[in-house]
PDB file of N, CA and C in Angstrom:
ATOM      1  N   MET A   1       0.451  -0.999   0.276  1.00  0.00           N
ATOM      2  CA  MET A   1       0.350  -0.168  -0.150  1.00  0.00           C
ATOM      3  C   MET A   1       1.195   1.314   0.280  1.00  0.00           C
ATOM      4  N   ASP A   2       0.240   2.124  -0.449  1.00  0.00           N
ATOM      5  CA  ASP A   2       1.010   3.413  -0.491  1.00  0.00           C
ATOM      6  C   ASP A   2       1.124   3.867   1.234  1.00  0.00           C
ATOM      7  N   ASP A   3       2.031   4.012   1.132  1.00  0.00           N
ATOM      8  CA  ASP A   3       2.772   5.219   2.365  1.00  0.00           C
ATOM      9  C   ASP A   3       2.366   6.609   2.778  1.00  0.00           C
ATOM     10  N   ASP A   4       2.240   7.117   1.522  1.00  0.00           N
ATOM     11  CA  ASP A   4       1.616   8.545   1.858  1.00  0.00           C
ATOM     12  C   ASP A   4       0.055   8.470   2.143  1.00  0.00           C
ATOM     13  N   LYS A   5      -0.471   7.536   1.731  1.00  0.00           N
ATOM     14  CA  LYS A   5      -2.261   7.709   1.986  1.00  0.00           C
ATOM     15  C   LYS A   5      -2.342   6.737   3.103  1.00  0.00           C
ATOM     16  N   ASP A   6      -3.696   7.174   3.521  1.00  0.00           N
ATOM     17  CA  ASP A   6      -4.329   6.477   4.596  1.00  0.00           C
ATOM     18  C   ASP A   6      -4.752   4.998   4.711  1.00  0.00           C
ATOM     19  N   PRO A   7      -4.291   4.051   5.381  1.00  0.00           N
ATOM     20  CA  PRO A   7      -3.985   2.765   4.531  1.00  0.00           C
ATOM     21  C   PRO A   7      -5.437   2.000   4.257  1.00  0.00           C
ATOM     22  N   ARG A   8      -6.014   2.825   5.244  1.00  0.00           N
ATOM     23  CA  ARG A   8      -8.391   1.900   5.527  1.00  0.00           C
ATOM     24  C   ARG A   8      -8.230   2.869   4.301  1.00  0.00           C
ATOM     25  N   SER A   9      -8.432   4.132   3.832  1.00  0.00           N
ATOM     26  CA  SER A   9      -8.360   4.638   2.369  1.00  0.00           C
ATOM     27  C   SER A   9      -7.899   3.538   1.122  1.00  0.00           C
ATOM     28  N   THR A  10      -6.858   3.383   1.166  1.00  0.00           N
ATOM     29  CA  THR A  10      -6.042   2.761   0.144  1.00  0.00           C
ATOM     30  C   THR A  10      -7.232   1.417  -0.130  1.00  0.00           C
ATOM     31  N   LEU A  11      -7.431   0.566   0.571  1.00  0.00           N
ATOM     32  CA  LEU A  11      -7.616  -1.122   1.102  1.00  0.00           C
ATOM     33  C   LEU A  11      -9.308  -0.610   0.712  1.00  0.00           C
ATOM     34  N   LYS A  12      -9.987   0.686   1.050  1.00  0.00           N
ATOM     35  CA  LYS A  12     -11.757   0.460   0.831  1.00  0.00           C
ATOM     36  C   LYS A  12     -11.165   0.640  -0.356  1.00  0.00           C
ATOM     37  N   SER A  13     -10.821   1.700  -1.004  1.00  0.00           N
ATOM     38  CA  SER A  13     -10.783   1.747  -2.620  1.00  0.00           C
ATOM     39  C   SER A  13     -10.276   0.350  -3.223  1.00  0.00           C
ATOM     40  N   ARG A  14      -9.348  -0.270  -2.354  1.00  0.00           N
ATOM     41  CA  ARG A  14      -9.410  -2.157  -3.444  1.00  0.00           C
ATOM     42  C   ARG A  14     -10.070  -2.563  -3.890  1.00  0.00           C
ATOM     43  N   LEU A  15     -10.712  -2.573  -2.465  1.00  0.00           N
ATOM     44  CA  LEU A  15     -11.804  -4.039  -2.084  1.00  0.00           C
ATOM     45  C   LEU A  15     -13.042  -3.319  -2.632  1.00  0.00           C
ATOM     46  N   LYS A  16     -13.034  -1.876  -3.415  1.00  0.00           N
ATOM     47  CA  LYS A  16     -15.057  -1.509  -3.592  1.00  0.00           C
ATOM     48  C   LYS A  16     -14.034  -2.075  -5.218  1.00  0.00           C
ATOM     49  N   GLU A  17     -13.229  -2.049  -5.792  1.00  0.00           N
ATOM     50  CA  GLU A  17     -12.843  -2.763  -6.965  1.00  0.00           C
ATOM     51  C   GLU A  17     -13.457  -4.416  -7.479  1.00  0.00           C
ATOM     52  N   ILE A  18     -13.901  -5.390  -6.494  1.00  0.00           N
ATOM     53  CA  ILE A  18     -13.752  -6.248  -6.211  1.00  0.00           C
ATOM     54  C   ILE A  18     -15.277  -6.217  -6.185  1.00  0.00           C
ATOM     55  N   LYS A  19     -16.058  -6.980  -7.508  1.00  0.00           N
ATOM     56  CA  LYS A  19     -17.619  -7.353  -8.225  1.00  0.00           C
ATOM     57  C   LYS A  19     -18.173  -8.152  -6.792  1.00  0.00           C
ATOM     58  N   GLN A  20     -19.442  -7.565  -6.652  1.00  0.00           N
ATOM     59  CA  GLN A  20     -19.787  -8.254  -5.359  1.00  0.00           C
ATOM     60  C   GLN A  20     -19.467  -8.218  -3.942  1.00  0.00           C
ATOM     61  N   ILE A  21     -18.579  -6.653  -3.663  1.00  0.00           N
ATOM     62  CA  ILE A  21     -18.288  -6.454  -2.090  1.00  0.00           C
ATOM     63  C   ILE A  21     -18.875  -5.331  -2.510  1.00  0.00           C
ATOM     64  N   GLY A  22     -20.116  -5.156  -0.692  1.00  0.00           N
ATOM     65  CA  GLY A  22     -20.438  -4.047  -1.119  1.00  0.00           C
ATOM     66  C   GLY A  22     -19.475  -3.322  -0.077  1.00  0.00           C
ATOM     67  N   ASN A  23     -19.896  -1.934   0.707  1.00  0.00           N
ATOM     68  CA  ASN A  23     -19.657  -1.104   2.126  1.00  0.00           C
ATOM     69  C   ASN A  23     -19.792  -1.777   3.632  1.00  0.00           C
ATOM     70  N   VAL A  24     -20.713  -2.951   3.676  1.00  0.00           N
ATOM     71  CA  VAL A  24     -20.981  -3.807   4.502  1.00  0.00           C
ATOM     72  C   VAL A  24     -19.555  -4.835   4.727  1.00  0.00           C
ATOM     73  N   GLY A  25     -19.789  -5.510   3.291  1.00  0.00           N
ATOM     74  CA  GLY A  25     -18.811  -6.643   3.525  1.00  0.00           C
ATOM     75  C   GLY A  25     -17.320  -6.093   3.724  1.00  0.00           C
ATOM     76  N   ILE A  26     -17.200  -4.650   2.930  1.00  0.00           N
ATOM     77  CA  ILE A  26     -15.453  -4.159   3.343  1.00  0.00           C
ATOM     78  C   ILE A  26     -15.938  -3.733   5.213  1.00  0.00           C
ATOM     79  N   GLU A  27     -16.419  -3.418   5.607  1.00  0.00           N
ATOM     80  CA  GLU A  27     -16.113  -2.894   7.042  1.00  0.00           C
ATOM     81  C   GLU A  27     -16.154  -4.108   7.488  1.00  0.00           C
ATOM     82  N   ILE A  28     -16.542  -5.088   7.647  1.00  0.00           N
ATOM     83  CA  ILE A  28     -16.575  -6.378   8.442  1.00  0.00           C
ATOM     84  C   ILE A  28     -15.189  -6.980   7.818  1.00  0.00           C
ATOM     85  N   PHE A  29     -14.979  -7.037   6.975  1.00  0.00           N
ATOM     86  CA  PHE A  29     -13.650  -7.625   6.562  1.00  0.00           C
ATOM     87  C   PHE A  29     -12.412  -6.650   7.535  1.00  0.00           C
ATOM     88  N   MET A  30     -12.548  -5.352   7.228  1.00  0.00           N
ATOM     89  CA  MET A  30     -11.575  -4.387   8.177  1.00  0.00           C
ATOM     90  C   MET A  30     -11.364  -4.778   9.227  1.00  0.00           C
ATOM     91  N   ALA A  31     -12.869  -4.974   9.975  1.00  0.00           N
ATOM     92  CA  ALA A  31     -12.770  -4.572  11.264  1.00  0.00           C
ATOM     93  C   ALA A  31     -12.078  -6.142  11.711  1.00  0.00           C
ATOM     94  N   SER A  32     -12.293  -7.156  10.765  1.00  0.00           N
ATOM     95  CA  SER A  32     -11.707  -8.604  11.514  1.00  0.00           C
ATOM     96  C   SER A  32     -10.067  -9.243  10.945  1.00  0.00           C
ATOM     97  N   ILE A  33      -9.501  -8.186  10.348  1.00  0.00           N
ATOM     98  CA  ILE A  33      -8.492  -7.915  10.074  1.00  0.00           C
ATOM     99  C   ILE A  33      -7.431  -7.404  10.413  1.00  0.00           C
ATOM    100  N   GLN A  34      -7.966  -6.059  11.550  1.00  0.00           N
ATOM    101  CA  GLN A  34      -6.826  -5.259  11.746  1.00  0.00           C
ATOM    102  C   GLN A  34      -5.738  -5.873  12.518  1.00  0.00           C
ATOM    103  N   GLY A  35      -6.500  -7.064  13.895  1.00  0.00           N
ATOM    104  CA  GLY A  35      -5.860  -7.402  14.663  1.00  0.00           C
ATOM    105  C   GLY A  35      -3.937  -8.318  13.936  1.00  0.00           C
ATOM    106  N   PHE A  36      -4.620  -8.463  12.729  1.00  0.00           N
ATOM    107  CA  PHE A  36      -3.515  -8.969  11.948  1.00  0.00           C
ATOM    108  C   PHE A  36      -2.941  -7.896  10.909  1.00  0.00           C
ATOM    109  N   TYR A  37      -3.664  -7.046  10.502  1.00  0.00           N
ATOM    110  CA  TYR A  37      -2.506  -5.950   9.842  1.00  0.00           C
ATOM    111  C   TYR A  37      -3.454  -4.433  10.664  1.00  0.00           C
ATOM    112  N   PRO A  38      -2.102  -4.177  11.571  1.00  0.00           N
ATOM    113  CA  PRO A  38      -2.326  -3.092  12.755  1.00  0.00           C
ATOM    114  C   PRO A  38      -2.292  -1.710  12.017  1.00  0.00           C
ATOM    115  N   ARG A  39      -1.947  -1.722  10.843  1.00  0.00           N
ATOM    116  CA  ARG A  39      -2.288   0.000  10.255  1.00  0.00           C
ATOM    117  C   ARG A  39      -3.808  -0.189  10.122  1.00  0.00           C
ATOM    118  N   VAL A  40      -4.326  -0.285   9.982  1.00  0.00           N
ATOM    119  CA  VAL A  40      -6.162  -0.826  10.368  1.00  0.00           C
ATOM    120  C   VAL A  40      -6.535  -0.465  10.976  1.00  0.00           C
ATOM    121  N   ALA A  41      -6.329  -0.326  12.226  1.00  0.00           N
ATOM    122  CA  ALA A  41      -7.032  -0.282  13.408  1.00  0.00           C
ATOM    123  C   ALA A  41      -6.445   1.302  13.917  1.00  0.00           C
ATOM    124  N   PRO A  42      -7.291   1.638  14.869  1.00  0.00           N
ATOM    125  CA  PRO A  42      -8.686   1.404  15.149  1.00  0.00           C
ATOM    126  C   PRO A  42      -9.729   1.539  14.432  1.00  0.00           C
ATOM    127  N   PHE A  43     -10.424   0.563  14.358  1.00  0.00           N
ATOM    128  CA  PHE A  43     -11.695   0.387  13.255  1.00  0.00           C
ATOM    129  C   PHE A  43     -12.867  -0.378  14.009  1.00  0.00           C
ATOM    130  N   LEU A  44     -13.707  -0.144  13.755  1.00  0.00           N
ATOM    131  CA  LEU A  44     -15.050   0.024  14.671  1.00  0.00           C
ATOM    132  C   LEU A  44     -15.985  -0.626  13.358  1.00  0.00           C
ATOM    133  N   ASP A  45     -16.629  -1.154  12.525  1.00  0.00           N
ATOM    134  CA  ASP A  45     -17.726  -0.937  11.948  1.00  0.00           C
ATOM    135  C   ASP A  45     -18.781  -0.671  12.220  1.00  0.00           C
ATOM    136  N   SER A  46     -19.325  -0.028  11.138  1.00  0.00           N
ATOM    137  CA  SER A  46     -20.286   1.368  11.681  1.00  0.00           C
ATOM    138  C   SER A  46     -21.861   0.767  12.646  1.00  0.00           C
ATOM    139  N   ARG A  47     -22.057  -0.328  12.288  1.00  0.00           N
ATOM    140  CA  ARG A  47     -23.243  -1.722  12.767  1.00  0.00           C
ATOM    141  C   ARG A  47     -22.461  -1.928  14.788  1.00  0.00           C
ATOM    142  N   SER A  48     -21.278  -1.796  14.838  1.00  0.00           N
ATOM    143  CA  SER A  48     -20.628  -2.189  16.098  1.00  0.00           C
ATOM    144  C   SER A  48     -20.096  -0.692  16.627  1.00  0.00           C
ATOM    145  N   PHE A  49     -19.423   0.466  16.096  1.00  0.00           N
ATOM    146  CA  PHE A  49     -19.771   1.287  16.849  1.00  0.00           C
ATOM    147  C   PHE A  49     -21.247   1.468  17.079  1.00  0.00           C
ATOM    148  N   LYS A  50     -22.232   1.434  16.957  1.00  0.00           N
ATOM    149  CA  LYS A  50     -22.956   2.198  16.699  1.00  0.00           C
ATOM    150  C   LYS A  50     -23.623   1.506  18.403  1.00  0.00           C
ATOM    151  N   THR A  51     -23.503  -0.280  18.260  1.00  0.00           N
ATOM    152  CA  THR A  51     -23.797  -0.634  19.257  1.00  0.00           C
ATOM    153  C   THR A  51     -22.746  -0.188  20.551  1.00  0.00           C
ATOM    154  N   ALA A  52     -21.872   0.111  20.822  1.00  0.00           N
ATOM    155  CA  ALA A  52     -20.873   0.545  21.009  1.00  0.00           C
ATOM    156  C   ALA A  52     -21.822   1.442  21.895  1.00  0.00           C
ATOM    157  N   GLN A  53     -21.770   2.709  21.280  1.00  0.00           N
ATOM    158  CA  GLN A  53     -22.576   3.774  21.463  1.00  0.00           C
ATOM    159  C   GLN A  53     -23.830   3.353  22.513  1.00  0.00           C
ATOM    160  N   GLU A  54     -24.810   2.790  22.175  1.00  0.00           N
ATOM    161  CA  GLU A  54     -25.608   2.326  22.801  1.00  0.00           C
ATOM    162  C   GLU A  54     -25.510   1.758  24.223  1.00  0.00           C
ATOM    163  N   LEU A  55     -23.964   0.768  24.422  1.00  0.00           N
ATOM    164  CA  LEU A  55     -23.737   0.674  25.951  1.00  0.00           C
ATOM    165  C   LEU A  55     -23.216   1.643  26.480  1.00  0.00           C
ATOM    166  N   GLY A  56     -22.543   2.418  26.281  1.00  0.00           N
ATOM    167  CA  GLY A  56     -22.393   4.047  26.555  1.00  0.00           C
ATOM    168  C   GLY A  56     -20.723   3.655  26.720  1.00  0.00           C
ATOM    169  N   LEU A  57     -19.992   2.649  25.512  1.00  0.00           N
ATOM    170  CA  LEU A  57     -18.446   3.189  25.748  1.00  0.00           C
ATOM    171  C   LEU A  57     -18.244   4.417  25.035  1.00  0.00           C
ATOM    172  N   GLY A  58     -18.826   5.076  24.375  1.00  0.00           N
ATOM    173  CA  GLY A  58     -18.834   6.587  23.716  1.00  0.00           C
ATOM    174  C   GLY A  58     -18.850   6.318  22.297  1.00  0.00           C
ATOM    175  N   ASP A  59     -18.258   7.798  22.285  1.00  0.00           N
ATOM    176  CA  ASP A  59     -18.511   7.534  20.239  1.00  0.00           C
ATOM    177  C   ASP A  59     -17.028   8.039  19.810  1.00  0.00           C
ATOM    178  N   ASP A  60     -15.925   7.579  19.800  1.00  0.00           N
ATOM    179  CA  ASP A  60     -14.419   8.095  19.968  1.00  0.00           C
ATOM    180  C   ASP A  60     -13.621   6.466  20.064  1.00  0.00           C
ATOM    181  N   VAL A  61     -13.663   6.332  18.896  1.00  0.00           N
ATOM    182  CA  VAL A  61     -12.722   5.028  18.873  1.00  0.00           C
ATOM    183  C   VAL A  61     -11.206   4.780  19.285  1.00  0.00           C
ATOM    184  N   GLY A  62     -11.144   6.220  18.756  1.00  0.00           N
ATOM    185  CA  GLY A  62      -9.659   6.360  19.357  1.00  0.00           C
ATOM    186  C   GLY A  62      -9.339   5.946  20.594  1.00  0.00           C
ATOM    187  N   THR A  63     -10.234   6.820  21.310  1.00  0.00           N
ATOM    188  CA  THR A  63     -10.643   6.446  23.189  1.00  0.00           C
ATOM    189  C   THR A  63     -10.562   5.086  23.454  1.00  0.00           C
ATOM    190  N   MET A  64     -11.436   4.497  22.901  1.00  0.00           N
ATOM    191  CA  MET A  64     -11.847   3.107  23.099  1.00  0.00           C
ATOM    192  C   MET A  64     -10.359   1.623  22.667  1.00  0.00           C
ATOM    193  N   PHE A  65      -9.719   2.516  21.387  1.00  0.00           N
ATOM    194  CA  PHE A  65      -8.775   2.190  21.626  1.00  0.00           C
ATOM    195  C   PHE A  65      -7.319   2.084  22.280  1.00  0.00           C
ATOM    196  N   GLU A  66      -6.944   3.005  22.938  1.00  0.00           N
ATOM    197  CA  GLU A  66      -6.308   3.851  23.873  1.00  0.00           C
ATOM    198  C   GLU A  66      -6.995   2.616  25.606  1.00  0.00           C
ATOM    199  N   ALA A  67      -8.417   2.701  25.569  1.00  0.00           N
ATOM    200  CA  ALA A  67      -9.091   2.099  26.567  1.00  0.00           C
ATOM    201  C   ALA A  67      -7.955   0.921  26.420  1.00  0.00           C
ATOM    202  N   LEU A  68      -7.532   0.164  25.127  1.00  0.00           N
ATOM    203  CA  LEU A  68      -7.649  -1.532  25.208  1.00  0.00           C
ATOM    204  C   LEU A  68      -6.336  -1.645  24.854  1.00  0.00           C
ATOM    205  N   ASP A  69      -4.982  -0.247  25.204  1.00  0.00           N
ATOM    206  CA  ASP A  69      -3.795  -0.177  25.379  1.00  0.00           C
ATOM    207  C   ASP A  69      -2.975  -0.187  23.913  1.00  0.00           C
ATOM    208  N   ASN A  70      -3.726   0.226  22.979  1.00  0.00           N
ATOM    209  CA  ASN A  70      -3.713   0.928  21.438  1.00  0.00           C
ATOM    210  C   ASN A  70      -3.045  -0.629  21.207  1.00  0.00           C
ATOM    211  N   ASP A  71      -3.789  -2.054  21.638  1.00  0.00           N
ATOM    212  CA  ASP A  71      -3.696  -3.342  20.653  1.00  0.00           C
ATOM    213  C   ASP A  71      -5.216  -3.413  19.712  1.00  0.00           C
ATOM    214  N   PRO A  72      -4.117  -3.686  18.232  1.00  0.00           N
ATOM    215  CA  PRO A  72      -5.189  -3.949  17.343  1.00  0.00           C
ATOM    216  C   PRO A  72      -5.694  -5.364  17.874  1.00  0.00           C
ATOM    217  N   MET A  73      -5.164  -6.368  18.093  1.00  0.00           N
ATOM    218  CA  MET A  73      -5.944  -7.490  18.246  1.00  0.00           C
ATOM    219  C   MET A  73      -6.627  -7.376  19.165  1.00  0.00           C
ATOM    220  N   GLN A  74      -6.845  -6.408  20.236  1.00  0.00           N
ATOM    221  CA  GLN A  74      -8.292  -6.245  21.330  1.00  0.00           C
ATOM    222  C   GLN A  74      -9.415  -5.632  20.489  1.00  0.00           C
ATOM    223  N   MET A  75      -8.640  -4.425  19.730  1.00  0.00           N
ATOM    224  CA  MET A  75      -9.935  -3.961  19.006  1.00  0.00           C
ATOM    225  C   MET A  75     -10.807  -5.123  17.909  1.00  0.00           C
ATOM    226  N   ALA A  76      -9.823  -5.629  17.230  1.00  0.00           N
ATOM    227  CA  ALA A  76     -10.806  -6.775  16.474  1.00  0.00           C
ATOM    228  C   ALA A  76     -11.867  -7.300  17.057  1.00  0.00           C
ATOM    229  N   LYS A  77     -11.345  -7.680  18.659  1.00  0.00           N
ATOM    230  CA  LYS A  77     -12.096  -8.867  19.435  1.00  0.00           C
ATOM    231  C   LYS A  77     -12.902  -7.606  19.992  1.00  0.00           C
ATOM    232  N   LEU A  78     -13.002  -6.971  20.329  1.00  0.00           N
ATOM    233  CA  LEU A  78     -13.958  -5.813  20.661  1.00  0.00           C
ATOM    234  C   LEU A  78     -15.044  -5.451  19.789  1.00  0.00           C
ATOM    235  N   ASN A  79     -14.298  -5.640  18.205  1.00  0.00           N
ATOM    236  CA  ASN A  79     -15.672  -5.380  17.560  1.00  0.00           C
ATOM    237  C   ASN A  79     -16.333  -6.936  17.467  1.00  0.00           C
ATOM    238  N   ALA A  80     -15.649  -7.440  17.440  1.00  0.00           N
ATOM    239  CA  ALA A  80     -16.326  -9.041  16.934  1.00  0.00           C
ATOM    240  C   ALA A  80     -17.266  -9.467  18.336  1.00  0.00           C
ATOM    241  N   ALA A  81     -16.887  -9.047  19.828  1.00  0.00           N
ATOM    242  CA  ALA A  81     -17.475  -9.054  21.154  1.00  0.00           C
ATOM    243  C   ALA A  81     -19.189  -7.983  20.491  1.00  0.00           C
ATOM    244  N   LEU A  82     -18.977  -6.978  20.576  1.00  0.00           N
ATOM    245  CA  LEU A  82     -19.505  -5.940  19.703  1.00  0.00           C
ATOM    246  C   LEU A  82     -20.786  -6.581  18.985  1.00  0.00           C
ATOM    247  N   THR A  83     -20.567  -7.339  17.837  1.00  0.00           N
ATOM    248  CA  THR A  83     -21.472  -7.920  17.020  1.00  0.00           C
ATOM    249  C   THR A  83     -22.360  -9.039  16.993  1.00  0.00           C
ATOM    250  N   THR A  84     -21.669  -9.839  17.987  1.00  0.00           N
ATOM    251  CA  THR A  84     -22.021 -11.176  19.058  1.00  0.00           C
ATOM    252  C   THR A  84     -23.289  -9.969  19.776  1.00  0.00           C
ATOM    253  N   VAL A  85     -22.982  -9.832  20.388  1.00  0.00           N
ATOM    254  CA  VAL A  85     -24.238  -8.212  21.448  1.00  0.00           C
ATOM    255  C   VAL A  85     -24.685  -8.323  20.710  1.00  0.00           C
ATOM    256  N   ARG A  86     -24.763  -7.532  19.152  1.00  0.00           N
ATOM    257  CA  ARG A  86     -25.938  -7.007  18.318  1.00  0.00           C
ATOM    258  C   ARG A  86     -26.672  -8.124  18.225  1.00  0.00           C
ATOM    259  N   LEU A  87     -26.031  -8.655  17.586  1.00  0.00           N
ATOM    260  CA  LEU A  87     -26.601  -9.693  16.883  1.00  0.00           C
ATOM    261  C   LEU A  87     -27.329 -10.998  17.982  1.00  0.00           C
ATOM    262  N   GLU A  88     -27.431 -11.178  18.790  1.00  0.00           N
ATOM    263  CA  GLU A  88     -27.976 -11.465  19.651  1.00  0.00           C
ATOM    264  C   GLU A  88     -28.843 -11.260  20.703  1.00  0.00           C
ATOM    265  N   LYS A  89     -28.882  -9.905  20.450  1.00  0.00           N
ATOM    266  CA  LYS A  89     -29.856  -8.915  21.117  1.00  0.00           C
ATOM    267  C   LYS A  89     -29.959  -8.407  22.376  1.00  0.00           C
ATOM    268  N   ARG A  90     -28.360  -8.751  22.904  1.00  0.00           N
ATOM    269  CA  ARG A  90     -28.267  -8.349  24.422  1.00  0.00           C
ATOM    270  C   ARG A  90     -27.832  -6.900  24.894  1.00  0.00           C
ATOM    271  N   ARG A  91     -28.458  -6.216  24.283  1.00  0.00           N
ATOM    272  CA  ARG A  91     -27.915  -4.804  24.347  1.00  0.00           C
ATOM    273  C   ARG A  91     -28.233  -4.577  26.651  1.00  0.00           C
ATOM    274  N   LYS A  92     -29.451  -5.110  25.857  1.00  0.00           N
ATOM    275  CA  LYS A  92     -30.342  -4.445  27.921  1.00  0.00           C
ATOM    276  C   LYS A  92     -29.507  -5.313  28.515  1.00  0.00           C
ATOM    277  N   GLU A  93     -28.617  -6.322  28.785  1.00  0.00           N
ATOM    278  CA  GLU A  93     -27.899  -7.202  29.884  1.00  0.00           C
ATOM    279  C   GLU A  93     -26.748  -5.870  30.097  1.00  0.00           C
ATOM    280  N   PHE A  94     -26.344  -5.419  29.546  1.00  0.00           N
ATOM    281  CA  PHE A  94     -25.403  -4.329  29.562  1.00  0.00           C
ATOM    282  C   PHE A  94     -26.036  -2.955  29.995  1.00  0.00           C
ATOM    283  N   SER A  95     -26.871  -2.991  29.906  1.00  0.00           N
ATOM    284  CA  SER A  95     -27.544  -1.149  30.967  1.00  0.00           C
ATOM    285  C   SER A  95     -27.794  -1.140  32.286  1.00  0.00           C
TER     286      SER A  95
END
């Protein structure tokens, strides 16, 4: 990837070139790979970000990342956990 550009923007535009991959698929992919490709971190997909807000985690992904000691693997795990909470409709358990 071009070091002069934001790696997330470059990755998003490259992924958009692939037919059948939409914005949701791109977000899921980016959230998943950040643990292995740290230049993507910190990243939450839009639905996990909304869940984080609803759970009171705030609205600043950078602050969440700092709370995780700037660990890309932990950020990927947070995104996965937020997805699980959303899909299993467990938000009320955290209120």
